[in-house]
């Protein structure tokens, strides 16, 4: 007569292997679950920076179209009213991505930043 099924020893060994595997995987899965919202938060911060830069680009374009652009007044407006502003500076050259901050007040560099992300725009008179 043949018996079908698993022996008690086989069941115990299987349970031990499953519990060891679960104990090893729990820290990895726990970290991934707790950090899973970070990309979404970074994307939201990036979108806020894009919206803010778009706002100032629109103001810049309107002033150019109306012929009312005064780069010094534009800089003052940004310094006073911009969200997420890191810095503004006049530049006179762009060399390999390095900006010379001793400018002639004709090119304005605007740096926005939020939670480790940055966005840079250059506005010319």
PDB file of N, CA and C in Angstrom:
ATOM      1  N   UNK A   1       0.833  -1.159   0.000  1.00  0.00           N
ATOM      2  CA  UNK A   1       0.000   0.000   0.000  1.00  0.00           C
ATOM      3  C   UNK A   1       0.890   1.239   0.000  1.00  0.00           C
ATOM      4  N   UNK A   2       0.632   2.159  -0.925  1.00  0.00           N
ATOM      5  CA  UNK A   2       1.418   3.389  -1.002  1.00  0.00           C
ATOM      6  C   UNK A   2       0.644   4.518  -0.346  1.00  0.00           C
ATOM      7  N   UNK A   3       1.414   5.375   0.349  1.00  0.00           N
ATOM      8  CA  UNK A   3       0.777   6.509   1.014  1.00  0.00           C
ATOM      9  C   UNK A   3       1.076   7.765   0.221  1.00  0.00           C
ATOM     10  N   UNK A   4       0.090   8.631   0.123  1.00  0.00           N
ATOM     11  CA  UNK A   4       0.268   9.902  -0.567  1.00  0.00           C
ATOM     12  C   UNK A   4       0.324  11.006   0.471  1.00  0.00           C
ATOM     13  N   UNK A   5       1.140  12.066   0.149  1.00  0.00           N
ATOM     14  CA  UNK A   5       1.210  13.192   1.073  1.00  0.00           C
ATOM     15  C   UNK A   5       2.647  13.434   1.496  1.00  0.00           C
ATOM     16  N   UNK A   6       2.809  14.435   2.320  1.00  0.00           N
ATOM     17  CA  UNK A   6       4.125  14.823   2.792  1.00  0.00           C
ATOM     18  C   UNK A   6       4.321  14.328   4.211  1.00  0.00           C
ATOM     19  N   UNK A   7       5.561  14.020   4.527  1.00  0.00           N
ATOM     20  CA  UNK A   7       5.861  13.616   5.899  1.00  0.00           C
ATOM     21  C   UNK A   7       5.973  14.862   6.761  1.00  0.00           C
ATOM     22  N   UNK A   8       5.920  14.674   8.044  1.00  0.00           N
ATOM     23  CA  UNK A   8       6.032  15.783   8.985  1.00  0.00           C
ATOM     24  C   UNK A   8       7.388  16.471   8.840  1.00  0.00           C
ATOM     25  N   UNK A   9       8.422  15.709   8.608  1.00  0.00           N
ATOM     26  CA  UNK A   9       9.766  16.278   8.442  1.00  0.00           C
ATOM     27  C   UNK A   9       9.833  17.182   7.210  1.00  0.00           C
ATOM     28  N   UNK A  10       9.243  16.778   6.118  1.00  0.00           N
ATOM     29  CA  UNK A  10       9.234  17.610   4.910  1.00  0.00           C
ATOM     30  C   UNK A  10       8.475  18.916   5.148  1.00  0.00           C
ATOM     31  N   UNK A  11       7.404  18.882   5.847  1.00  0.00           N
ATOM     32  CA  UNK A  11       6.617  20.088   6.140  1.00  0.00           C
ATOM     33  C   UNK A  11       7.409  21.030   7.046  1.00  0.00           C
ATOM     34  N   UNK A  12       8.059  20.481   8.062  1.00  0.00           N
ATOM     35  CA  UNK A  12       8.844  21.313   8.982  1.00  0.00           C
ATOM     36  C   UNK A  12      10.009  21.971   8.251  1.00  0.00           C
ATOM     37  N   UNK A  13      10.728  21.233   7.426  1.00  0.00           N
ATOM     38  CA  UNK A  13      11.853  21.790   6.661  1.00  0.00           C
ATOM     39  C   UNK A  13      11.356  22.887   5.724  1.00  0.00           C
ATOM     40  N   UNK A  14      10.253  22.689   5.082  1.00  0.00           N
ATOM     41  CA  UNK A  14       9.695  23.702   4.176  1.00  0.00           C
ATOM     42  C   UNK A  14       9.328  24.962   4.941  1.00  0.00           C
ATOM     43  N   UNK A  15       8.704  24.822   6.094  1.00  0.00           N
ATOM     44  CA  UNK A  15       8.340  25.981   6.899  1.00  0.00           C
ATOM     45  C   UNK A  15       9.578  26.744   7.376  1.00  0.00           C
ATOM     46  N   UNK A  16      10.605  26.021   7.759  1.00  0.00           N
ATOM     47  CA  UNK A  16      11.847  26.670   8.202  1.00  0.00           C
ATOM     48  C   UNK A  16      12.477  27.447   7.047  1.00  0.00           C
ATOM     49  N   UNK A  17      12.534  26.860   5.866  1.00  0.00           N
ATOM     50  CA  UNK A  17      13.115  27.550   4.703  1.00  0.00           C
ATOM     51  C   UNK A  17      12.309  28.790   4.317  1.00  0.00           C
ATOM     52  N   UNK A  18      11.005  28.693   4.361  1.00  0.00           N
ATOM     53  CA  UNK A  18      10.148  29.831   4.034  1.00  0.00           C
ATOM     54  C   UNK A  18      10.329  30.937   5.063  1.00  0.00           C
ATOM     55  N   UNK A  19      10.413  30.598   6.346  1.00  0.00           N
ATOM     56  CA  UNK A  19      10.577  31.624   7.377  1.00  0.00           C
ATOM     57  C   UNK A  19      11.954  32.287   7.288  1.00  0.00           C
ATOM     58  N   UNK A  20      12.995  31.536   6.983  1.00  0.00           N
ATOM     59  CA  UNK A  20      14.333  32.140   6.819  1.00  0.00           C
ATOM     60  C   UNK A  20      14.339  33.081   5.615  1.00  0.00           C
ATOM     61  N   UNK A  21      13.762  32.652   4.517  1.00  0.00           N
ATOM     62  CA  UNK A  21      13.690  33.510   3.329  1.00  0.00           C
ATOM     63  C   UNK A  21      12.887  34.771   3.616  1.00  0.00           C
ATOM     64  N   UNK A  22      11.785  34.638   4.318  1.00  0.00           N
ATOM     65  CA  UNK A  22      10.979  35.800   4.687  1.00  0.00           C
ATOM     66  C   UNK A  22      11.736  36.752   5.598  1.00  0.00           C
ATOM     67  N   UNK A  23      12.475  36.202   6.558  1.00  0.00           N
ATOM     68  CA  UNK A  23      13.249  37.047   7.471  1.00  0.00           C
ATOM     69  C   UNK A  23      14.347  37.804   6.728  1.00  0.00           C
ATOM     70  N   UNK A  24      14.931  37.211   5.706  1.00  0.00           N
ATOM     71  CA  UNK A  24      15.965  37.881   4.917  1.00  0.00           C
ATOM     72  C   UNK A  24      15.377  38.938   3.986  1.00  0.00           C
ATOM     73  N   UNK A  25      14.186  38.701   3.486  1.00  0.00           N
ATOM     74  CA  UNK A  25      13.582  39.627   2.523  1.00  0.00           C
ATOM     75  C   UNK A  25      12.853  40.783   3.195  1.00  0.00           C
ATOM     76  N   UNK A  26      12.436  40.649   4.436  1.00  0.00           N
ATOM     77  CA  UNK A  26      11.650  41.682   5.113  1.00  0.00           C
ATOM     78  C   UNK A  26      12.364  43.035   5.169  1.00  0.00           C
ATOM     79  N   UNK A  27      13.649  43.115   5.563  1.00  0.00           N
ATOM     80  CA  UNK A  27      14.306  44.431   5.593  1.00  0.00           C
ATOM     81  C   UNK A  27      14.388  45.087   4.208  1.00  0.00           C
ATOM     82  N   UNK A  28      14.643  44.294   3.190  1.00  0.00           N
ATOM     83  CA  UNK A  28      14.742  44.838   1.833  1.00  0.00           C
ATOM     84  C   UNK A  28      13.390  45.367   1.373  1.00  0.00           C
ATOM     85  N   UNK A  29      12.359  44.584   1.543  1.00  0.00           N
ATOM     86  CA  UNK A  29      11.026  45.011   1.119  1.00  0.00           C
ATOM     87  C   UNK A  29      10.527  46.171   1.959  1.00  0.00           C
ATOM     88  N   UNK A  30      10.830  46.157   3.258  1.00  0.00           N
ATOM     89  CA  UNK A  30      10.409  47.256   4.119  1.00  0.00           C
ATOM     90  C   UNK A  30      11.024  48.576   3.693  1.00  0.00           C
ATOM     91  N   UNK A  31      12.319  48.581   3.360  1.00  0.00           N
ATOM     92  CA  UNK A  31      12.987  49.799   2.898  1.00  0.00           C
ATOM     93  C   UNK A  31      12.391  50.274   1.584  1.00  0.00           C
ATOM     94  N   UNK A  32      12.159  49.352   0.677  1.00  0.00           N
ATOM     95  CA  UNK A  32      11.582  49.741  -0.610  1.00  0.00           C
ATOM     96  C   UNK A  32      10.180  50.313  -0.455  1.00  0.00           C
ATOM     97  N   UNK A  33       9.408  49.779   0.442  1.00  0.00           N
ATOM     98  CA  UNK A  33       8.051  50.291   0.640  1.00  0.00           C
ATOM     99  C   UNK A  33       8.070  51.679   1.273  1.00  0.00           C
ATOM    100  N   UNK A  34       8.958  51.907   2.235  1.00  0.00           N
ATOM    101  CA  UNK A  34       8.989  53.214   2.890  1.00  0.00           C
ATOM    102  C   UNK A  34       9.578  54.286   1.997  1.00  0.00           C
ATOM    103  N   UNK A  35      10.435  53.911   1.058  1.00  0.00           N
ATOM    104  CA  UNK A  35      11.053  54.897   0.170  1.00  0.00           C
ATOM    105  C   UNK A  35      10.341  54.988  -1.179  1.00  0.00           C
ATOM    106  N   UNK A  36       9.252  54.274  -1.350  1.00  0.00           N
ATOM    107  CA  UNK A  36       8.586  54.244  -2.650  1.00  0.00           C
ATOM    108  C   UNK A  36       7.958  55.584  -3.020  1.00  0.00           C
ATOM    109  N   UNK A  37       7.686  56.455  -2.052  1.00  0.00           N
ATOM    110  CA  UNK A  37       7.073  57.754  -2.359  1.00  0.00           C
ATOM    111  C   UNK A  37       8.095  58.809  -2.758  1.00  0.00           C
ATOM    112  N   UNK A  38       9.381  58.559  -2.552  1.00  0.00           N
ATOM    113  CA  UNK A  38      10.402  59.567  -2.856  1.00  0.00           C
ATOM    114  C   UNK A  38      10.403  60.012  -4.323  1.00  0.00           C
ATOM    115  N   UNK A  39      10.343  59.104  -5.299  1.00  0.00           N
ATOM    116  CA  UNK A  39      10.309  59.579  -6.689  1.00  0.00           C
ATOM    117  C   UNK A  39       9.097  60.452  -6.991  1.00  0.00           C
ATOM    118  N   UNK A  40       7.972  60.128  -6.393  1.00  0.00           N
ATOM    119  CA  UNK A  40       6.762  60.931  -6.605  1.00  0.00           C
ATOM    120  C   UNK A  40       6.960  62.324  -6.017  1.00  0.00           C
ATOM    121  N   UNK A  41       7.549  62.396  -4.823  1.00  0.00           N
ATOM    122  CA  UNK A  41       7.805  63.693  -4.194  1.00  0.00           C
ATOM    123  C   UNK A  41       8.805  64.516  -5.003  1.00  0.00           C
ATOM    124  N   UNK A  42       9.857  63.866  -5.513  1.00  0.00           N
ATOM    125  CA  UNK A  42      10.839  64.581  -6.349  1.00  0.00           C
ATOM    126  C   UNK A  42      10.183  65.102  -7.618  1.00  0.00           C
ATOM    127  N   UNK A  43       9.319  64.307  -8.207  1.00  0.00           N
ATOM    128  CA  UNK A  43       8.621  64.738  -9.417  1.00  0.00           C
ATOM    129  C   UNK A  43       7.719  65.935  -9.127  1.00  0.00           C
ATOM    130  N   UNK A  44       7.039  65.914  -7.986  1.00  0.00           N
ATOM    131  CA  UNK A  44       6.203  67.052  -7.595  1.00  0.00           C
ATOM    132  C   UNK A  44       7.030  68.310  -7.385  1.00  0.00           C
ATOM    133  N   UNK A  45       8.197  68.174  -6.729  1.00  0.00           N
ATOM    134  CA  UNK A  45       9.081  69.327  -6.531  1.00  0.00           C
ATOM    135  C   UNK A  45       9.583  69.861  -7.866  1.00  0.00           C
ATOM    136  N   UNK A  46       9.929  68.948  -8.767  1.00  0.00           N
ATOM    137  CA  UNK A  46      10.400  69.358 -10.096  1.00  0.00           C
ATOM    138  C   UNK A  46       9.307  70.122 -10.839  1.00  0.00           C
ATOM    139  N   UNK A  47       8.078  69.648 -10.722  1.00  0.00           N
ATOM    140  CA  UNK A  47       6.963  70.326 -11.385  1.00  0.00           C
ATOM    141  C   UNK A  47       6.756  71.729 -10.816  1.00  0.00           C
ATOM    142  N   UNK A  48       6.921  71.891  -9.507  1.00  0.00           N
ATOM    143  CA  UNK A  48       6.808  73.220  -8.901  1.00  0.00           C
ATOM    144  C   UNK A  48       7.880  74.165  -9.434  1.00  0.00           C
ATOM    145  N   UNK A  49       9.104  73.652  -9.595  1.00  0.00           N
ATOM    146  CA  UNK A  49      10.182  74.478 -10.151  1.00  0.00           C
ATOM    147  C   UNK A  49       9.878  74.876 -11.600  1.00  0.00           C
ATOM    148  N   UNK A  50       9.374  73.930 -12.377  1.00  0.00           N
ATOM    149  CA  UNK A  50       9.023  74.228 -13.772  1.00  0.00           C
ATOM    150  C   UNK A  50       7.929  75.296 -13.832  1.00  0.00           C
ATOM    151  N   UNK A  51       6.914  75.166 -12.998  1.00  0.00           N
ATOM    152  CA  UNK A  51       5.828  76.156 -12.995  1.00  0.00           C
ATOM    153  C   UNK A  51       6.350  77.541 -12.619  1.00  0.00           C
ATOM    154  N   UNK A  52       7.226  77.609 -11.623  1.00  0.00           N
ATOM    155  CA  UNK A  52       7.760  78.902 -11.202  1.00  0.00           C
ATOM    156  C   UNK A  52       8.632  79.522 -12.298  1.00  0.00           C
ATOM    157  N   UNK A  53       9.461  78.700 -12.943  1.00  0.00           N
ATOM    158  CA  UNK A  53      10.303  79.229 -14.017  1.00  0.00           C
ATOM    159  C   UNK A  53       9.446  79.639 -15.206  1.00  0.00           C
ATOM    160  N   UNK A  54       8.417  78.881 -15.499  1.00  0.00           N
ATOM    161  CA  UNK A  54       7.493  79.259 -16.579  1.00  0.00           C
ATOM    162  C   UNK A  54       6.812  80.587 -16.283  1.00  0.00           C
ATOM    163  N   UNK A  55       6.483  80.802 -15.029  1.00  0.00           N
ATOM    164  CA  UNK A  55       5.854  82.079 -14.647  1.00  0.00           C
ATOM    165  C   UNK A  55       6.790  83.242 -14.964  1.00  0.00           C
ATOM    166  N   UNK A  56       8.062  83.127 -14.585  1.00  0.00           N
ATOM    167  CA  UNK A  56       9.007  84.226 -14.819  1.00  0.00           C
ATOM    168  C   UNK A  56       9.397  84.348 -16.284  1.00  0.00           C
ATOM    169  N   UNK A  57       9.409  83.225 -16.992  1.00  0.00           N
ATOM    170  CA  UNK A  57       9.655  83.285 -18.431  1.00  0.00           C
ATOM    171  C   UNK A  57       8.511  84.002 -19.133  1.00  0.00           C
ATOM    172  N   UNK A  58       7.278  83.767 -18.689  1.00  0.00           N
ATOM    173  CA  UNK A  58       6.123  84.474 -19.253  1.00  0.00           C
ATOM    174  C   UNK A  58       6.178  85.963 -18.995  1.00  0.00           C
ATOM    175  N   UNK A  59       6.565  86.351 -17.781  1.00  0.00           N
ATOM    176  CA  UNK A  59       6.713  87.776 -17.469  1.00  0.00           C
ATOM    177  C   UNK A  59       7.781  88.397 -18.366  1.00  0.00           C
ATOM    178  N   UNK A  60       8.879  87.689 -18.524  1.00  0.00           N
ATOM    179  CA  UNK A  60       9.981  88.153 -19.377  1.00  0.00           C
ATOM    180  C   UNK A  60       9.517  88.345 -20.828  1.00  0.00           C
ATOM    181  N   UNK A  61       8.808  87.344 -21.353  1.00  0.00           N
ATOM    182  CA  UNK A  61       8.325  87.428 -22.743  1.00  0.00           C
ATOM    183  C   UNK A  61       7.326  88.579 -22.918  1.00  0.00           C
ATOM    184  N   UNK A  62       6.448  88.763 -21.941  1.00  0.00           N
ATOM    185  CA  UNK A  62       5.488  89.866 -22.020  1.00  0.00           C
ATOM    186  C   UNK A  62       6.196  91.211 -22.038  1.00  0.00           C
ATOM    187  N   UNK A  63       7.198  91.356 -21.197  1.00  0.00           N
ATOM    188  CA  UNK A  63       7.929  92.624 -21.161  1.00  0.00           C
ATOM    189  C   UNK A  63       8.714  92.866 -22.450  1.00  0.00           C
ATOM    190  N   UNK A  64       9.242  91.817 -23.054  1.00  0.00           N
ATOM    191  CA  UNK A  64       9.934  91.974 -24.345  1.00  0.00           C
ATOM    192  C   UNK A  64       8.934  92.393 -25.420  1.00  0.00           C
ATOM    193  N   UNK A  65       7.776  91.720 -25.467  1.00  0.00           N
ATOM    194  CA  UNK A  65       6.768  92.047 -26.482  1.00  0.00           C
ATOM    195  C   UNK A  65       6.249  93.463 -26.317  1.00  0.00           C
ATOM    196  N   UNK A  66       6.096  93.904 -25.086  1.00  0.00           N
ATOM    197  CA  UNK A  66       5.589  95.255 -24.835  1.00  0.00           C
ATOM    198  C   UNK A  66       6.676  96.314 -24.944  1.00  0.00           C
ATOM    199  N   UNK A  67       7.922  95.886 -25.070  1.00  0.00           N
ATOM    200  CA  UNK A  67       9.032  96.830 -25.150  1.00  0.00           C
ATOM    201  C   UNK A  67       9.329  97.502 -23.815  1.00  0.00           C
ATOM    202  N   UNK A  68       8.922  96.867 -22.710  1.00  0.00           N
ATOM    203  CA  UNK A  68       9.106  97.480 -21.391  1.00  0.00           C
ATOM    204  C   UNK A  68      10.162  96.769 -20.558  1.00  0.00           C
ATOM    205  N   UNK A  69      10.982  95.902 -21.167  1.00  0.00           N
ATOM    206  CA  UNK A  69      11.949  95.129 -20.402  1.00  0.00           C
ATOM    207  C   UNK A  69      13.078  96.019 -19.883  1.00  0.00           C
ATOM    208  N   UNK A  70      13.203  96.061 -18.592  1.00  0.00           N
ATOM    209  CA  UNK A  70      14.345  96.665 -17.906  1.00  0.00           C
ATOM    210  C   UNK A  70      14.916  95.548 -17.047  1.00  0.00           C
ATOM    211  N   UNK A  71      16.091  95.038 -17.425  1.00  0.00           N
ATOM    212  CA  UNK A  71      16.636  93.845 -16.770  1.00  0.00           C
ATOM    213  C   UNK A  71      16.866  94.064 -15.277  1.00  0.00           C
ATOM    214  N   UNK A  72      17.229  95.288 -14.872  1.00  0.00           N
ATOM    215  CA  UNK A  72      17.433  95.574 -13.443  1.00  0.00           C
ATOM    216  C   UNK A  72      16.103  95.503 -12.686  1.00  0.00           C
ATOM    217  N   UNK A  73      15.038  96.042 -13.272  1.00  0.00           N
ATOM    218  CA  UNK A  73      13.722  95.984 -12.637  1.00  0.00           C
ATOM    219  C   UNK A  73      13.204  94.544 -12.621  1.00  0.00           C
ATOM    220  N   UNK A  74      13.487  93.804 -13.683  1.00  0.00           N
ATOM    221  CA  UNK A  74      13.089  92.404 -13.766  1.00  0.00           C
ATOM    222  C   UNK A  74      13.788  91.600 -12.665  1.00  0.00           C
ATOM    223  N   UNK A  75      15.080  91.854 -12.473  1.00  0.00           N
ATOM    224  CA  UNK A  75      15.839  91.192 -11.406  1.00  0.00           C
ATOM    225  C   UNK A  75      15.261  91.540 -10.042  1.00  0.00           C
ATOM    226  N   UNK A  76      14.958  92.782  -9.836  1.00  0.00           N
ATOM    227  CA  UNK A  76      14.392  93.219  -8.559  1.00  0.00           C
ATOM    228  C   UNK A  76      13.036  92.554  -8.311  1.00  0.00           C
ATOM    229  N   UNK A  77      12.234  92.436  -9.346  1.00  0.00           N
ATOM    230  CA  UNK A  77      10.931  91.786  -9.255  1.00  0.00           C
ATOM    231  C   UNK A  77      11.093  90.315  -8.862  1.00  0.00           C
ATOM    232  N   UNK A  78      12.047  89.631  -9.497  1.00  0.00           N
ATOM    233  CA  UNK A  78      12.297  88.219  -9.167  1.00  0.00           C
ATOM    234  C   UNK A  78      12.815  88.092  -7.736  1.00  0.00           C
ATOM    235  N   UNK A  79      13.779  88.943  -7.367  1.00  0.00           N
ATOM    236  CA  UNK A  79      14.340  88.889  -6.010  1.00  0.00           C
ATOM    237  C   UNK A  79      13.270  89.081  -4.950  1.00  0.00           C
ATOM    238  N   UNK A  80      12.273  89.878  -5.248  1.00  0.00           N
ATOM    239  CA  UNK A  80      11.227  90.187  -4.276  1.00  0.00           C
ATOM    240  C   UNK A  80      10.108  89.156  -4.264  1.00  0.00           C
ATOM    241  N   UNK A  81       9.735  88.627  -5.419  1.00  0.00           N
ATOM    242  CA  UNK A  81       8.493  87.855  -5.530  1.00  0.00           C
ATOM    243  C   UNK A  81       8.638  86.382  -5.901  1.00  0.00           C
ATOM    244  N   UNK A  82       9.828  85.917  -6.224  1.00  0.00           N
ATOM    245  CA  UNK A  82       9.967  84.537  -6.704  1.00  0.00           C
ATOM    246  C   UNK A  82       9.878  83.530  -5.565  1.00  0.00           C
ATOM    247  N   UNK A  83       9.218  82.426  -5.846  1.00  0.00           N
ATOM    248  CA  UNK A  83       9.207  81.282  -4.932  1.00  0.00           C
ATOM    249  C   UNK A  83      10.393  80.392  -5.271  1.00  0.00           C
ATOM    250  N   UNK A  84      10.944  79.703  -4.277  1.00  0.00           N
ATOM    251  CA  UNK A  84      12.029  78.734  -4.450  1.00  0.00           C
ATOM    252  C   UNK A  84      13.302  79.364  -5.000  1.00  0.00           C
ATOM    253  N   UNK A  85      13.511  80.660  -4.780  1.00  0.00           N
ATOM    254  CA  UNK A  85      14.663  81.365  -5.348  1.00  0.00           C
ATOM    255  C   UNK A  85      15.925  81.022  -4.560  1.00  0.00           C
ATOM    256  N   UNK A  86      16.959  80.569  -5.284  1.00  0.00           N
ATOM    257  CA  UNK A  86      18.278  80.373  -4.679  1.00  0.00           C
ATOM    258  C   UNK A  86      19.108  81.634  -4.826  1.00  0.00           C
ATOM    259  N   UNK A  87      19.208  82.136  -6.083  1.00  0.00           N
ATOM    260  CA  UNK A  87      20.012  83.336  -6.306  1.00  0.00           C
ATOM    261  C   UNK A  87      19.728  83.916  -7.691  1.00  0.00           C
ATOM    262  N   UNK A  88      20.071  85.191  -7.825  1.00  0.00           N
ATOM    263  CA  UNK A  88      20.090  85.843  -9.131  1.00  0.00           C
ATOM    264  C   UNK A  88      21.435  86.542  -9.240  1.00  0.00           C
ATOM    265  N   UNK A  89      21.976  86.593 -10.447  1.00  0.00           N
ATOM    266  CA  UNK A  89      23.258  87.256 -10.659  1.00  0.00           C
ATOM    267  C   UNK A  89      23.373  87.657 -12.119  1.00  0.00           C
ATOM    268  N   UNK A  90      24.102  88.735 -12.364  1.00  0.00           N
ATOM    269  CA  UNK A  90      24.393  89.125 -13.732  1.00  0.00           C
ATOM    270  C   UNK A  90      25.609  88.340 -14.210  1.00  0.00           C
ATOM    271  N   UNK A  91      25.553  87.878 -15.441  1.00  0.00           N
ATOM    272  CA  UNK A  91      26.664  87.126 -16.027  1.00  0.00           C
ATOM    273  C   UNK A  91      27.019  87.748 -17.363  1.00  0.00           C
ATOM    274  N   UNK A  92      28.251  87.505 -17.803  1.00  0.00           N
ATOM    275  CA  UNK A  92      28.619  88.006 -19.124  1.00  0.00           C
ATOM    276  C   UNK A  92      29.155  86.931 -20.042  1.00  0.00           C
ATOM    277  N   UNK A  93      29.318  85.700 -19.552  1.00  0.00           N
ATOM    278  CA  UNK A  93      29.752  84.635 -20.441  1.00  0.00           C
ATOM    279  C   UNK A  93      29.358  83.296 -19.856  1.00  0.00           C
ATOM    280  N   UNK A  94      29.231  82.334 -20.742  1.00  0.00           N
ATOM    281  CA  UNK A  94      28.953  80.966 -20.342  1.00  0.00           C
ATOM    282  C   UNK A  94      30.049  80.121 -20.955  1.00  0.00           C
ATOM    283  N   UNK A  95      30.935  79.618 -20.130  1.00  0.00           N
ATOM    284  CA  UNK A  95      32.084  78.840 -20.611  1.00  0.00           C
ATOM    285  C   UNK A  95      32.022  77.438 -20.036  1.00  0.00           C
ATOM    286  N   UNK A  96      31.656  76.483 -20.854  1.00  0.00           N
ATOM    287  CA  UNK A  96      31.611  75.101 -20.414  1.00  0.00           C
ATOM    288  C   UNK A  96      30.709  74.859 -19.224  1.00  0.00           C
ATOM    289  N   UNK A  97      29.633  75.632 -19.113  1.00  0.00           N
ATOM    290  CA  UNK A  97      28.704  75.466 -18.016  1.00  0.00           C
ATOM    291  C   UNK A  97      29.068  76.261 -16.773  1.00  0.00           C
ATOM    292  N   UNK A  98      30.213  76.947 -16.780  1.00  0.00           N
ATOM    293  CA  UNK A  98      30.607  77.758 -15.635  1.00  0.00           C
ATOM    294  C   UNK A  98      30.250  79.199 -15.924  1.00  0.00           C
ATOM    295  N   UNK A  99      29.521  79.809 -15.013  1.00  0.00           N
ATOM    296  CA  UNK A  99      29.048  81.165 -15.234  1.00  0.00           C
ATOM    297  C   UNK A  99      29.969  82.172 -14.554  1.00  0.00           C
ATOM    298  N   UNK A 100      30.321  83.197 -15.291  1.00  0.00           N
ATOM    299  CA  UNK A 100      31.110  84.289 -14.741  1.00  0.00           C
ATOM    300  C   UNK A 100      30.141  85.288 -14.134  1.00  0.00           C
ATOM    301  N   UNK A 101      30.226  85.513 -12.822  1.00  0.00           N
ATOM    302  CA  UNK A 101      29.251  86.367 -12.153  1.00  0.00           C
ATOM    303  C   UNK A 101      29.649  87.835 -12.160  1.00  0.00           C
ATOM    304  N   UNK A 102      30.702  88.183 -12.826  1.00  0.00           N
ATOM    305  CA  UNK A 102      31.097  89.592 -12.939  1.00  0.00           C
ATOM    306  C   UNK A 102      30.608  90.105 -14.288  1.00  0.00           C
ATOM    307  N   UNK A 103      29.321  90.272 -14.421  1.00  0.00           N
ATOM    308  CA  UNK A 103      28.713  90.611 -15.704  1.00  0.00           C
ATOM    309  C   UNK A 103      28.541  92.098 -15.913  1.00  0.00           C
ATOM    310  N   UNK A 104      28.032  92.401 -17.072  1.00  0.00           N
ATOM    311  CA  UNK A 104      27.798  93.793 -17.460  1.00  0.00           C
ATOM    312  C   UNK A 104      26.325  94.159 -17.388  1.00  0.00           C
ATOM    313  N   UNK A 105      25.566  93.445 -16.592  1.00  0.00           N
ATOM    314  CA  UNK A 105      24.148  93.704 -16.360  1.00  0.00           C
ATOM    315  C   UNK A 105      23.293  93.590 -17.623  1.00  0.00           C
ATOM    316  N   UNK A 106      23.676  92.708 -18.532  1.00  0.00           N
ATOM    317  CA  UNK A 106      22.843  92.476 -19.709  1.00  0.00           C
ATOM    318  C   UNK A 106      22.269  91.068 -19.747  1.00  0.00           C
ATOM    319  N   UNK A 107      22.857  90.144 -19.018  1.00  0.00           N
ATOM    320  CA  UNK A 107      22.343  88.776 -18.935  1.00  0.00           C
ATOM    321  C   UNK A 107      22.105  88.461 -17.464  1.00  0.00           C
ATOM    322  N   UNK A 108      20.904  88.027 -17.156  1.00  0.00           N
ATOM    323  CA  UNK A 108      20.533  87.716 -15.787  1.00  0.00           C
ATOM    324  C   UNK A 108      20.408  86.206 -15.627  1.00  0.00           C
ATOM    325  N   UNK A 109      21.102  85.653 -14.659  1.00  0.00           N
ATOM    326  CA  UNK A 109      21.012  84.229 -14.340  1.00  0.00           C
ATOM    327  C   UNK A 109      20.113  84.073 -13.119  1.00  0.00           C
ATOM    328  N   UNK A 110      19.092  83.239 -13.249  1.00  0.00           N
ATOM    329  CA  UNK A 110      18.159  82.981 -12.152  1.00  0.00           C
ATOM    330  C   UNK A 110      18.276  81.510 -11.774  1.00  0.00           C
ATOM    331  N   UNK A 111      18.534  81.261 -10.491  1.00  0.00           N
ATOM    332  CA  UNK A 111      18.660  79.898  -9.973  1.00  0.00           C
ATOM    333  C   UNK A 111      17.505  79.625  -9.008  1.00  0.00           C
ATOM    334  N   UNK A 112      16.710  78.620  -9.347  1.00  0.00           N
ATOM    335  CA  UNK A 112      15.638  78.174  -8.453  1.00  0.00           C
ATOM    336  C   UNK A 112      16.038  76.825  -7.875  1.00  0.00           C
ATOM    337  N   UNK A 113      15.635  76.560  -6.652  1.00  0.00           N
ATOM    338  CA  UNK A 113      15.961  75.278  -6.041  1.00  0.00           C
ATOM    339  C   UNK A 113      14.916  74.861  -5.034  1.00  0.00           C
ATOM    340  N   UNK A 114      14.723  73.550  -4.940  1.00  0.00           N
ATOM    341  CA  UNK A 114      13.753  73.011  -3.998  1.00  0.00           C
ATOM    342  C   UNK A 114      14.153  71.579  -3.660  1.00  0.00           C
ATOM    343  N   UNK A 115      14.439  71.315  -2.403  1.00  0.00           N
ATOM    344  CA  UNK A 115      14.756  69.969  -1.906  1.00  0.00           C
ATOM    345  C   UNK A 115      15.832  69.259  -2.732  1.00  0.00           C
ATOM    346  N   UNK A 116      16.916  69.949  -2.974  1.00  0.00           N
ATOM    347  CA  UNK A 116      18.041  69.340  -3.685  1.00  0.00           C
ATOM    348  C   UNK A 116      17.948  69.379  -5.198  1.00  0.00           C
ATOM    349  N   UNK A 117      16.879  69.882  -5.739  1.00  0.00           N
ATOM    350  CA  UNK A 117      16.760  70.014  -7.189  1.00  0.00           C
ATOM    351  C   UNK A 117      16.985  71.471  -7.557  1.00  0.00           C
ATOM    352  N   UNK A 118      17.521  71.684  -8.746  1.00  0.00           N
ATOM    353  CA  UNK A 118      17.831  73.059  -9.161  1.00  0.00           C
ATOM    354  C   UNK A 118      17.421  73.265 -10.600  1.00  0.00           C
ATOM    355  N   UNK A 119      17.130  74.520 -10.909  1.00  0.00           N
ATOM    356  CA  UNK A 119      16.792  74.915 -12.277  1.00  0.00           C
ATOM    357  C   UNK A 119      17.431  76.278 -12.503  1.00  0.00           C
ATOM    358  N   UNK A 120      18.081  76.438 -13.659  1.00  0.00           N
ATOM    359  CA  UNK A 120      18.781  77.669 -13.988  1.00  0.00           C
ATOM    360  C   UNK A 120      18.237  78.191 -15.312  1.00  0.00           C
ATOM    361  N   UNK A 121      18.036  79.508 -15.371  1.00  0.00           N
ATOM    362  CA  UNK A 121      17.603  80.157 -16.623  1.00  0.00           C
ATOM    363  C   UNK A 121      18.422  81.428 -16.800  1.00  0.00           C
ATOM    364  N   UNK A 122      18.671  81.755 -18.055  1.00  0.00           N
ATOM    365  CA  UNK A 122      19.366  82.993 -18.408  1.00  0.00           C
ATOM    366  C   UNK A 122      18.389  83.886 -19.152  1.00  0.00           C
ATOM    367  N   UNK A 123      18.308  85.138 -18.735  1.00  0.00           N
ATOM    368  CA  UNK A 123      17.447  86.128 -19.381  1.00  0.00           C
ATOM    369  C   UNK A 123      18.343  87.258 -19.887  1.00  0.00           C
ATOM    370  N   UNK A 124      18.208  87.588 -21.171  1.00  0.00           N
ATOM    371  CA  UNK A 124      19.047  88.630 -21.774  1.00  0.00           C
ATOM    372  C   UNK A 124      18.221  89.867 -22.080  1.00  0.00           C
ATOM    373  N   UNK A 125      18.893  91.014 -22.013  1.00  0.00           N
ATOM    374  CA  UNK A 125      18.233  92.285 -22.300  1.00  0.00           C
ATOM    375  C   UNK A 125      18.240  92.531 -23.787  1.00  0.00           C
TER     376      UNK A 125
END
